[in-house]
N, C-alpha and C. Protein backbone atom coordinates (compact mmCIF):
# COMPACT_ATOMS: atom_id res chain seq x y z
N MET A 1 93.76 133.67 30.67
CA MET A 1 94.68 132.94 31.52
C MET A 1 95.81 133.90 31.91
N SER A 2 96.08 133.98 33.21
CA SER A 2 97.13 134.87 33.68
C SER A 2 98.50 134.25 33.45
N GLY A 3 99.52 135.06 33.56
CA GLY A 3 100.88 134.57 33.43
C GLY A 3 101.24 133.55 34.49
N TYR A 4 100.74 133.76 35.71
CA TYR A 4 101.01 132.80 36.79
C TYR A 4 100.35 131.45 36.51
N THR A 5 99.11 131.49 36.02
CA THR A 5 98.42 130.24 35.69
C THR A 5 99.19 129.48 34.62
N LEU A 6 99.64 130.18 33.62
CA LEU A 6 100.44 129.56 32.56
C LEU A 6 101.75 129.00 33.12
N ALA A 7 102.41 129.77 33.97
CA ALA A 7 103.69 129.32 34.56
C ALA A 7 103.49 128.06 35.39
N TRP A 8 102.41 128.01 36.20
CA TRP A 8 102.16 126.81 37.00
C TRP A 8 101.82 125.62 36.11
N ALA A 9 101.08 125.84 35.04
CA ALA A 9 100.76 124.76 34.10
C ALA A 9 102.02 124.21 33.44
N VAL A 10 102.93 125.11 33.06
CA VAL A 10 104.20 124.68 32.47
C VAL A 10 105.02 123.92 33.50
N TRP A 11 105.05 124.41 34.73
CA TRP A 11 105.80 123.73 35.81
C TRP A 11 105.26 122.32 36.03
N LEU A 12 103.93 122.19 36.08
CA LEU A 12 103.32 120.87 36.27
C LEU A 12 103.61 119.94 35.10
N ALA A 13 103.58 120.47 33.89
CA ALA A 13 103.89 119.66 32.71
C ALA A 13 105.35 119.20 32.75
N ALA A 14 106.26 120.10 33.13
CA ALA A 14 107.68 119.73 33.24
C ALA A 14 107.86 118.65 34.29
N PHE A 15 107.19 118.80 35.43
CA PHE A 15 107.26 117.78 36.48
C PHE A 15 106.77 116.44 35.95
N ALA A 16 105.65 116.44 35.24
CA ALA A 16 105.09 115.19 34.71
C ALA A 16 106.07 114.52 33.75
N VAL A 17 106.72 115.29 32.91
CA VAL A 17 107.69 114.74 31.96
C VAL A 17 108.90 114.16 32.71
N ILE A 18 109.45 114.92 33.65
CA ILE A 18 110.64 114.47 34.40
C ILE A 18 110.32 113.24 35.23
N GLU A 19 109.23 113.28 35.97
CA GLU A 19 108.86 112.15 36.83
C GLU A 19 108.49 110.93 35.99
N GLY A 20 107.78 111.15 34.89
CA GLY A 20 107.42 110.04 34.01
C GLY A 20 108.64 109.34 33.45
N LYS A 21 109.62 110.12 33.01
CA LYS A 21 110.87 109.54 32.50
C LYS A 21 111.59 108.78 33.60
N ALA A 22 111.64 109.34 34.79
CA ALA A 22 112.31 108.68 35.92
C ALA A 22 111.62 107.38 36.30
N LEU A 23 110.30 107.35 36.24
CA LEU A 23 109.56 106.13 36.58
C LEU A 23 109.78 105.03 35.55
N ARG A 24 109.96 105.41 34.30
CA ARG A 24 110.14 104.42 33.24
C ARG A 24 111.54 103.82 33.20
N ASP A 25 112.58 104.55 33.60
CA ASP A 25 113.93 104.02 33.41
C ASP A 25 114.43 103.11 34.54
N ASN A 26 113.69 103.02 35.64
CA ASN A 26 113.99 102.07 36.72
C ASN A 26 115.37 102.22 37.37
N ARG A 27 116.00 103.36 37.26
CA ARG A 27 117.25 103.58 37.99
C ARG A 27 116.93 104.04 39.40
N LYS A 28 117.87 103.86 40.30
CA LYS A 28 117.68 104.30 41.68
C LYS A 28 117.95 105.80 41.78
N ASN A 29 117.29 106.43 42.74
CA ASN A 29 117.51 107.84 43.08
C ASN A 29 117.24 108.78 41.92
N ASP A 30 116.16 108.52 41.17
CA ASP A 30 115.84 109.42 40.08
C ASP A 30 114.47 110.08 40.21
N THR A 31 113.56 109.51 40.99
CA THR A 31 112.24 110.11 41.15
C THR A 31 112.25 111.17 42.25
N LEU A 32 111.22 111.98 42.29
CA LEU A 32 111.13 113.00 43.33
C LEU A 32 111.06 112.34 44.71
N SER A 33 110.29 111.27 44.84
CA SER A 33 110.18 110.59 46.13
C SER A 33 111.54 110.12 46.62
N GLU A 34 112.31 109.50 45.74
CA GLU A 34 113.62 109.00 46.13
C GLU A 34 114.56 110.13 46.52
N HIS A 35 114.46 111.27 45.85
CA HIS A 35 115.28 112.42 46.22
C HIS A 35 114.87 112.96 47.59
N VAL A 36 113.57 113.07 47.82
CA VAL A 36 113.09 113.57 49.11
C VAL A 36 113.53 112.63 50.22
N TRP A 37 113.42 111.32 50.00
CA TRP A 37 113.86 110.35 51.01
C TRP A 37 115.34 110.52 51.30
N GLN A 38 116.13 110.81 50.29
CA GLN A 38 117.57 111.00 50.48
C GLN A 38 117.85 112.34 51.19
N TRP A 39 117.24 113.42 50.71
CA TRP A 39 117.48 114.74 51.29
C TRP A 39 117.10 114.80 52.76
N PHE A 40 116.00 114.12 53.14
CA PHE A 40 115.50 114.19 54.49
C PHE A 40 115.82 112.95 55.32
N ALA A 41 116.75 112.14 54.83
CA ALA A 41 117.27 110.97 55.57
C ALA A 41 116.15 110.05 56.05
N VAL A 42 115.18 109.80 55.18
CA VAL A 42 114.04 108.97 55.56
C VAL A 42 114.48 107.52 55.74
N LYS A 43 115.33 107.02 54.87
CA LYS A 43 115.74 105.62 54.95
C LYS A 43 117.06 105.42 55.68
N ASP A 44 117.81 106.50 55.89
CA ASP A 44 119.12 106.41 56.55
C ASP A 44 119.00 106.97 57.96
N ARG A 45 118.65 106.11 58.89
CA ARG A 45 118.42 106.55 60.27
C ARG A 45 119.68 107.05 60.96
N ALA A 46 120.87 106.71 60.43
CA ALA A 46 122.12 107.12 61.06
C ALA A 46 122.70 108.40 60.43
N ALA A 47 121.99 109.01 59.49
CA ALA A 47 122.50 110.20 58.81
C ALA A 47 122.66 111.36 59.79
N PRO A 48 123.66 112.23 59.53
CA PRO A 48 123.82 113.41 60.39
C PRO A 48 122.54 114.27 60.37
N TYR A 49 122.10 114.64 61.53
CA TYR A 49 120.90 115.47 61.70
C TYR A 49 119.66 114.80 61.09
N GLY A 50 119.66 113.48 60.97
CA GLY A 50 118.55 112.76 60.34
C GLY A 50 117.22 113.01 61.03
N GLN A 51 117.21 112.97 62.34
CA GLN A 51 115.97 113.18 63.08
C GLN A 51 115.43 114.59 62.84
N LEU A 52 116.29 115.58 62.84
CA LEU A 52 115.89 116.96 62.57
C LEU A 52 115.38 117.10 61.13
N ARG A 53 116.06 116.46 60.19
CA ARG A 53 115.66 116.54 58.79
C ARG A 53 114.28 115.91 58.59
N ARG A 54 114.04 114.76 59.21
CA ARG A 54 112.73 114.10 59.09
C ARG A 54 111.64 114.93 59.77
N ALA A 55 111.95 115.52 60.90
CA ALA A 55 110.97 116.38 61.59
C ALA A 55 110.63 117.60 60.74
N THR A 56 111.63 118.16 60.08
CA THR A 56 111.40 119.30 59.19
C THR A 56 110.48 118.91 58.05
N LEU A 57 110.72 117.75 57.47
CA LEU A 57 109.85 117.25 56.39
C LEU A 57 108.43 117.07 56.90
N ALA A 58 108.27 116.44 58.06
CA ALA A 58 106.93 116.20 58.61
C ALA A 58 106.20 117.51 58.89
N MET A 59 106.88 118.48 59.46
CA MET A 59 106.25 119.77 59.74
C MET A 59 105.88 120.50 58.45
N GLY A 60 106.76 120.44 57.47
CA GLY A 60 106.48 121.08 56.19
C GLY A 60 105.29 120.46 55.48
N MET A 61 105.21 119.14 55.51
CA MET A 61 104.08 118.45 54.87
C MET A 61 102.78 118.73 55.63
N ALA A 62 102.86 118.78 56.96
CA ALA A 62 101.66 119.09 57.76
C ALA A 62 101.18 120.50 57.46
N TRP A 63 102.12 121.46 57.37
CA TRP A 63 101.72 122.83 57.04
C TRP A 63 101.09 122.88 55.65
N LEU A 64 101.72 122.22 54.67
CA LEU A 64 101.20 122.27 53.31
C LEU A 64 99.80 121.68 53.22
N ALA A 65 99.59 120.54 53.87
CA ALA A 65 98.25 119.93 53.87
C ALA A 65 97.23 120.88 54.52
N GLY A 66 97.58 121.44 55.66
CA GLY A 66 96.69 122.38 56.33
C GLY A 66 96.42 123.61 55.49
N HIS A 67 97.43 124.11 54.84
CA HIS A 67 97.32 125.29 53.98
C HIS A 67 96.34 125.03 52.84
N PHE A 68 96.50 123.88 52.18
CA PHE A 68 95.60 123.54 51.08
C PHE A 68 94.17 123.28 51.57
N LEU A 69 94.04 122.55 52.68
CA LEU A 69 92.72 122.13 53.15
C LEU A 69 91.92 123.25 53.81
N THR A 70 92.59 124.31 54.25
CA THR A 70 91.86 125.42 54.89
C THR A 70 91.72 126.63 53.99
N GLY A 71 92.16 126.51 52.76
CA GLY A 71 92.06 127.64 51.84
C GLY A 71 93.02 128.77 52.20
N GLY A 72 94.13 128.44 52.83
CA GLY A 72 95.14 129.45 53.13
C GLY A 72 95.04 130.06 54.53
N LEU A 73 94.17 129.55 55.38
CA LEU A 73 94.08 130.09 56.74
C LEU A 73 95.30 129.73 57.57
N ILE A 74 95.98 128.68 57.20
CA ILE A 74 97.20 128.24 57.90
C ILE A 74 98.39 128.65 57.07
């Protein structure tokens, strides 16, 4: 196992622990989804630069999906 593989496994485990704890405690604005919605003004249509922030999120997600699905051609 390479160092990078180990680092990604540790990162995924840390994410699972953090997200799992956030899902169990039922507070607002604690999960990754809730943070992304806040950072990219998904629910706040009147936020400054909200349309640009949402477009940036959409383009980033489209690139990531294409990147994964094409084996890195995109």
